[in-house]
Amino acid sequence: MEDCNMNGQTTIDEQEVARFSAMAAEWWDPSGKFRPLHKFNPVRLAYIKERVCNHFGRDEKDAKAFKGLRFLDIGCGGGLLSEPMARLGAEIIGADASATNIEIAKIHAQETGLDIDYRATTSELLATDGEKFDVVLNMEVVEHVADVSLYMQSCNEMVKEGGLTFVSTINRTAKARFLALFMAEKVLRWLPIGTHDYNKLVTPDELRKEFSKSSLAVLDETGVAYNPFFDRWLLSADMDVNYMILAGRKSEPS
């Protein structure tokens, strides 16, 4: 499969793809190598649901609150976000550069009876094909790509007029280096050593600039922090380590 755009540029970091492909079979094991994502999932799911329902005038209590909305889960991995979106009624494409991840995601969706369009492809190819979405989920991916600007450009151009995009990642700060890399990987062993490269982490300012270049407006920002007393992640005013940014494209006047 071709991974690059018309100019030969690519967002794919082959080492990162190989790293996650090697762990693919563990995607749905809540106590395995993806345990941190399983722990992180409830807070990001709640945030996505609240913001999408508020933006599109949907009832959060509706079991099919996302019916009629088209979602992209880019870098979907084994489908930890794609499946909840599908259960809420969304028409969803789950895309990942790792064919191994996609096969795992397809098998799990079949086992749970969910209709999800999983594709082993890239953001550049989807954008080149003219795909457009009401919501683009760009969660825990941007810190693993080879070219942040190209990646963000391709993701952002797929946001429809009146649509939203969510980005979740790790800030490039000394605090994040200590907590998200040293503590999480080398001390607590939440993640395999080398999962994150400090130099590839992305700051909120850098994301804001990418949104601006794509004519997207930042609508909300929040930090996400781990509470050891409750053993769960919570929204926080502190964006120094983990954070999420919501941006949207204005609807053109009719």
Protein backbone atom coordinates (compact mmCIF):
# COMPACT_ATOMS: atom_id res chain seq x y z
CA MET A 1 0.00 0.00 0.00
CA GLU A 2 1.26 3.46 -0.87
CA ASP A 3 1.88 5.54 2.27
CA CYS A 4 2.79 8.89 0.77
CA ASN A 5 1.10 11.83 -0.89
CA MET A 6 1.55 13.11 -4.43
CA ASN A 7 4.85 14.79 -3.51
CA GLY A 8 6.29 11.65 -1.97
CA GLN A 9 5.88 12.95 1.57
CA THR A 10 4.62 10.66 4.29
CA THR A 11 3.49 10.89 7.89
CA ILE A 12 4.30 7.25 8.57
CA ASP A 13 7.08 6.43 11.00
CA GLU A 14 7.83 2.80 10.14
CA GLN A 15 9.44 2.08 13.51
CA GLU A 16 6.34 3.30 15.34
CA VAL A 17 4.06 1.19 13.12
CA ALA A 18 6.21 -1.88 13.74
CA ARG A 19 6.23 -1.26 17.50
CA PHE A 20 2.44 -1.14 17.77
CA SER A 21 1.94 -3.97 15.27
CA ALA A 22 4.06 -6.23 17.49
CA MET A 23 1.71 -5.55 20.41
CA ALA A 24 -1.52 -5.72 18.38
CA ALA A 25 -2.83 -8.97 19.81
CA GLU A 26 -3.01 -7.33 23.25
CA TRP A 27 -5.27 -4.44 22.25
CA TRP A 28 -8.32 -5.79 24.03
CA ASP A 29 -6.56 -7.11 27.14
CA PRO A 30 -7.35 -4.53 29.88
CA SER A 31 -4.41 -5.77 31.97
CA GLY A 32 -1.94 -6.06 29.07
CA LYS A 33 0.38 -3.61 27.36
CA PHE A 34 -2.51 -1.31 26.45
CA ARG A 35 -3.79 -1.12 30.03
CA PRO A 36 -3.06 2.65 30.17
CA LEU A 37 -5.37 3.25 27.19
CA HIS A 38 -8.11 1.15 28.77
CA LYS A 39 -7.77 3.27 31.92
CA PHE A 40 -7.69 6.47 29.87
CA ASN A 41 -10.67 5.56 27.69
CA PRO A 42 -13.55 6.53 30.06
CA VAL A 43 -12.42 10.15 30.47
CA ARG A 44 -11.85 10.74 26.77
CA LEU A 45 -15.11 9.00 25.82
CA ALA A 46 -17.07 11.16 28.26
CA TYR A 47 -15.39 14.31 26.92
CA ILE A 48 -16.08 13.39 23.29
CA LYS A 49 -19.71 12.51 23.99
CA GLU A 50 -20.41 15.70 25.94
CA ARG A 51 -18.80 18.00 23.37
CA VAL A 52 -20.28 16.30 20.31
CA CYS A 53 -23.78 16.26 21.79
CA ASN A 54 -23.50 19.90 22.82
CA HIS A 55 -22.20 20.98 19.40
CA PHE A 56 -24.73 19.05 17.30
CA GLY A 57 -27.68 19.49 19.66
CA ARG A 58 -27.94 15.83 20.64
CA ASP A 59 -29.28 14.31 23.86
CA GLU A 60 -26.44 12.75 25.88
CA LYS A 61 -28.90 10.25 27.36
CA ASP A 62 -29.85 8.97 23.91
CA ALA A 63 -28.30 5.53 23.34
CA LYS A 64 -27.87 6.48 19.65
CA ALA A 65 -26.84 10.10 20.19
CA PHE A 66 -24.39 10.03 17.26
CA LYS A 67 -26.83 8.61 14.69
CA GLY A 68 -26.43 10.38 11.35
CA LEU A 69 -22.93 11.68 12.14
CA ARG A 70 -19.87 10.50 10.21
CA PHE A 71 -16.74 9.90 12.30
CA LEU A 72 -13.09 9.19 11.51
CA ASP A 73 -10.95 7.50 14.15
CA ILE A 74 -7.46 8.04 12.74
CA GLY A 75 -4.77 5.78 14.21
CA CYS A 76 -7.58 3.61 15.55
CA GLY A 77 -5.36 0.74 16.73
CA GLY A 78 -7.53 -2.15 17.87
CA GLY A 79 -10.71 -0.05 17.93
CA LEU A 80 -10.93 1.09 21.57
CA LEU A 81 -12.57 4.34 20.47
CA SER A 82 -14.20 3.20 17.24
CA GLU A 83 -16.42 0.63 18.95
CA PRO A 84 -18.03 3.03 21.49
CA MET A 85 -18.66 5.53 18.67
CA ALA A 86 -20.38 2.82 16.63
CA ARG A 87 -22.51 1.80 19.63
CA LEU A 88 -23.65 5.41 19.89
CA GLY A 89 -24.91 5.22 16.32
CA ALA A 90 -22.07 6.90 14.42
CA GLU A 91 -21.09 5.89 10.91
CA ILE A 92 -17.40 5.39 11.54
CA ILE A 93 -14.22 4.75 9.60
CA GLY A 94 -11.37 3.40 11.72
CA ALA A 95 -8.04 3.95 9.97
CA ASP A 96 -4.58 2.78 10.94
CA ALA A 97 -1.26 2.46 9.12
CA SER A 98 -0.77 -0.97 10.69
CA ALA A 99 -2.60 -3.71 8.78
CA THR A 100 -2.09 -5.96 11.81
CA ASN A 101 -3.97 -3.52 14.05
CA ILE A 102 -6.78 -3.32 11.51
CA GLU A 103 -7.17 -7.09 11.36
CA ILE A 104 -7.38 -7.25 15.17
CA ALA A 105 -9.98 -4.44 15.12
CA LYS A 106 -12.04 -6.17 12.41
CA ILE A 107 -12.09 -9.47 14.29
CA HIS A 108 -13.16 -7.82 17.55
CA ALA A 109 -15.91 -5.80 15.83
CA GLN A 110 -17.26 -8.97 14.22
CA GLU A 111 -17.24 -10.74 17.59
CA THR A 112 -19.24 -7.89 19.15
CA GLY A 113 -21.62 -7.48 16.20
CA LEU A 114 -20.57 -3.94 15.29
CA ASP A 115 -20.54 -2.51 11.76
CA ILE A 116 -17.31 -0.50 11.48
CA ASP A 117 -15.48 0.39 8.28
CA TYR A 118 -11.87 -0.43 9.20
CA ARG A 119 -9.17 0.49 6.70
CA ALA A 120 -5.41 -0.03 6.66
CA THR A 121 -4.60 3.39 5.27
CA THR A 122 -3.23 6.83 6.13
CA SER A 123 -4.63 10.29 6.75
CA GLU A 124 -2.97 11.52 3.54
CA LEU A 125 -4.68 8.91 1.37
CA LEU A 126 -8.07 9.51 2.97
CA ALA A 127 -7.71 13.26 2.44
CA THR A 128 -6.58 12.76 -1.15
CA ASP A 129 -9.70 10.65 -1.73
CA GLY A 130 -11.80 13.62 -0.62
CA GLU A 131 -13.18 12.02 2.55
CA LYS A 132 -15.10 14.41 4.84
CA PHE A 133 -16.34 13.86 8.39
CA ASP A 134 -18.53 15.53 10.99
CA VAL A 135 -16.02 14.46 13.66
CA VAL A 136 -12.34 13.54 13.34
CA LEU A 137 -10.85 11.75 16.36
CA ASN A 138 -7.09 12.24 16.44
CA MET A 139 -6.29 10.64 19.78
CA GLU A 140 -2.81 9.64 21.01
CA VAL A 141 -1.44 9.58 17.46
CA VAL A 142 0.24 12.88 16.62
CA GLU A 143 3.24 12.10 18.87
CA HIS A 144 3.98 9.00 16.78
CA VAL A 145 4.00 10.43 13.23
CA ALA A 146 6.99 11.36 11.11
CA ASP A 147 5.73 14.76 9.91
CA VAL A 148 3.38 16.57 12.30
CA SER A 149 2.47 19.41 9.92
CA LEU A 150 1.64 17.12 7.01
CA TYR A 151 -0.31 14.80 9.28
CA MET A 152 -2.32 17.59 10.90
CA GLN A 153 -3.00 19.22 7.54
CA SER A 154 -4.42 15.99 6.11
CA CYS A 155 -6.53 15.32 9.22
CA ASN A 156 -7.81 18.87 9.45
CA GLU A 157 -8.86 19.15 5.81
CA MET A 158 -11.23 16.21 6.33
CA VAL A 159 -13.33 18.15 8.88
CA LYS A 160 -16.62 19.20 7.29
CA GLU A 161 -18.06 22.69 7.56
CA GLY A 162 -19.62 22.81 11.01
CA GLY A 163 -17.57 19.77 12.03
CA LEU A 164 -15.26 19.01 14.95
CA THR A 165 -11.85 17.49 15.53
CA PHE A 166 -10.41 16.22 18.81
CA VAL A 167 -6.69 15.86 19.45
CA SER A 168 -5.32 14.14 22.54
CA THR A 169 -1.58 13.91 23.16
CA ILE A 170 1.32 14.59 25.55
CA ASN A 171 2.89 18.00 26.02
CA ARG A 172 6.62 18.54 25.46
CA THR A 173 7.60 19.78 28.93
CA ALA A 174 10.06 18.78 31.63
CA LYS A 175 7.10 17.66 33.73
CA ALA A 176 5.88 15.38 30.93
CA ARG A 177 9.38 13.99 30.43
CA PHE A 178 9.44 12.98 34.09
CA LEU A 179 5.86 11.72 34.50
CA ALA A 180 4.86 10.40 31.07
CA LEU A 181 8.22 8.99 30.00
CA PHE A 182 10.44 8.26 33.01
CA MET A 183 7.78 7.33 35.59
CA ALA A 184 5.21 5.71 33.26
CA GLU A 185 7.74 3.71 31.25
CA LYS A 186 10.74 3.06 33.47
CA VAL A 187 9.38 3.11 37.03
CA LEU A 188 5.69 2.15 36.98
CA ARG A 189 6.08 0.12 33.75
CA TRP A 190 2.67 1.23 32.53
CA LEU A 191 4.09 1.36 29.01
CA PRO A 192 6.93 -0.44 27.24
CA ILE A 193 10.17 1.55 27.41
CA GLY A 194 10.53 3.69 24.30
CA THR A 195 6.80 4.05 23.63
CA HIS A 196 7.25 7.82 23.54
CA ASP A 197 10.11 9.92 22.21
CA TYR A 198 10.35 13.23 24.07
CA ASN A 199 11.50 15.07 20.95
CA LYS A 200 8.36 13.99 19.07
CA LEU A 201 5.93 15.29 21.70
CA VAL A 202 3.76 18.20 20.56
CA THR A 203 2.88 21.35 22.49
CA PRO A 204 -0.58 23.00 22.55
CA ASP A 205 0.87 26.06 20.81
CA GLU A 206 2.11 23.90 17.94
CA LEU A 207 -1.34 22.34 17.53
CA ARG A 208 -3.04 25.73 17.68
CA LYS A 209 -0.85 26.89 14.79
CA GLU A 210 -1.76 23.81 12.76
CA PHE A 211 -5.46 24.43 13.38
CA SER A 212 -5.10 28.05 12.36
CA LYS A 213 -3.37 27.08 9.10
CA SER A 214 -6.37 24.88 8.29
CA SER A 215 -8.92 27.60 9.20
CA LEU A 216 -10.09 25.71 12.28
CA ALA A 217 -10.93 27.50 15.52
CA VAL A 218 -9.96 26.11 18.92
CA LEU A 219 -13.19 25.61 20.88
CA ASP A 220 -11.93 24.01 24.08
CA GLU A 221 -8.78 22.80 25.82
CA THR A 222 -8.32 20.62 28.88
CA GLY A 223 -5.62 18.78 30.72
CA VAL A 224 -6.06 15.15 31.76
CA ALA A 225 -4.42 13.92 34.98
CA TYR A 226 -4.17 10.56 36.70
CA ASN A 227 -5.62 10.39 40.24
CA PRO A 228 -3.85 7.56 42.12
CA PHE A 229 -6.39 7.62 44.98
CA PHE A 230 -9.29 6.81 42.62
CA ASP A 231 -7.08 4.92 40.12
CA ARG A 232 -8.59 6.82 37.22
CA TRP A 233 -7.99 9.70 34.86
CA LEU A 234 -9.84 13.00 35.35
CA LEU A 235 -10.11 16.26 33.44
CA SER A 236 -7.74 18.88 34.85
CA ALA A 237 -6.77 22.52 34.37
CA ASP A 238 -3.14 21.33 34.14
CA MET A 239 -2.11 20.80 30.50
CA ASP A 240 1.58 20.26 31.26
CA VAL A 241 1.45 16.49 30.64
CA ASN A 242 -1.62 14.91 28.99
CA TYR A 243 -4.10 17.22 27.29
CA MET A 244 -6.95 17.36 24.77
CA ILE A 245 -7.85 20.13 22.33
CA LEU A 246 -11.17 20.50 20.50
CA ALA A 247 -11.32 22.52 17.30
CA GLY A 248 -14.06 23.16 14.76
CA ARG A 249 -14.73 24.51 11.30
CA LYS A 250 -17.37 27.21 10.97
CA SER A 251 -20.34 26.62 8.73
CA GLU A 252 -20.44 28.89 5.71
CA PRO A 253 -23.51 31.16 5.62
CA SER A 254 -26.16 29.86 3.23
